[in-house]
Amino acid sequence: MNIEPPTLTRTLCRMESLDLIVRKEGSDKREK
């Protein structure tokens, strides 16, 4: 995908606020 990071972050935050996706904590400390 050729998407700028700020654009992707905004899109994901919007999707999260609409309950389309859920943020989950990873088991690996390197994951964000």
Protein backbone atom coordinates (compact mmCIF):
# COMPACT_ATOMS: atom_id res chain seq x y z
CA MET A 1 0.00 0.00 0.00
CA ASN A 2 1.20 3.47 -0.79
CA ILE A 3 -0.45 5.45 2.03
CA GLU A 4 1.19 8.18 4.09
CA PRO A 5 1.45 7.24 7.81
CA PRO A 6 -0.56 10.26 9.12
CA THR A 7 -3.40 9.47 6.71
CA LEU A 8 -3.45 5.83 7.77
CA THR A 9 -3.44 6.78 11.46
CA ARG A 10 -6.38 9.17 10.99
CA THR A 11 -8.32 6.53 9.06
CA LEU A 12 -7.69 3.87 11.71
CA CYS A 13 -8.68 6.24 14.54
CA ARG A 14 -11.90 7.10 12.70
CA MET A 15 -12.67 3.42 12.13
CA GLU A 16 -12.01 2.70 15.81
CA SER A 17 -14.37 5.48 16.93
CA LEU A 18 -17.10 3.99 14.71
CA ASP A 19 -16.51 0.56 16.32
CA LEU A 20 -15.46 -0.91 12.97
CA ILE A 21 -12.15 -2.09 14.42
CA VAL A 22 -10.85 -2.84 17.93
CA ARG A 23 -7.39 -1.98 19.21
CA LYS A 24 -5.72 -4.95 20.92
CA GLU A 25 -2.46 -5.13 22.81
CA GLY A 26 0.08 -7.52 21.34
CA SER A 27 2.00 -10.10 23.35
CA ASP A 28 5.31 -8.97 21.84
CA LYS A 29 6.69 -5.70 23.26
CA ARG A 30 7.89 -4.73 19.76
CA GLU A 31 4.30 -4.61 18.52
CA LYS A 32 2.44 -1.30 18.66
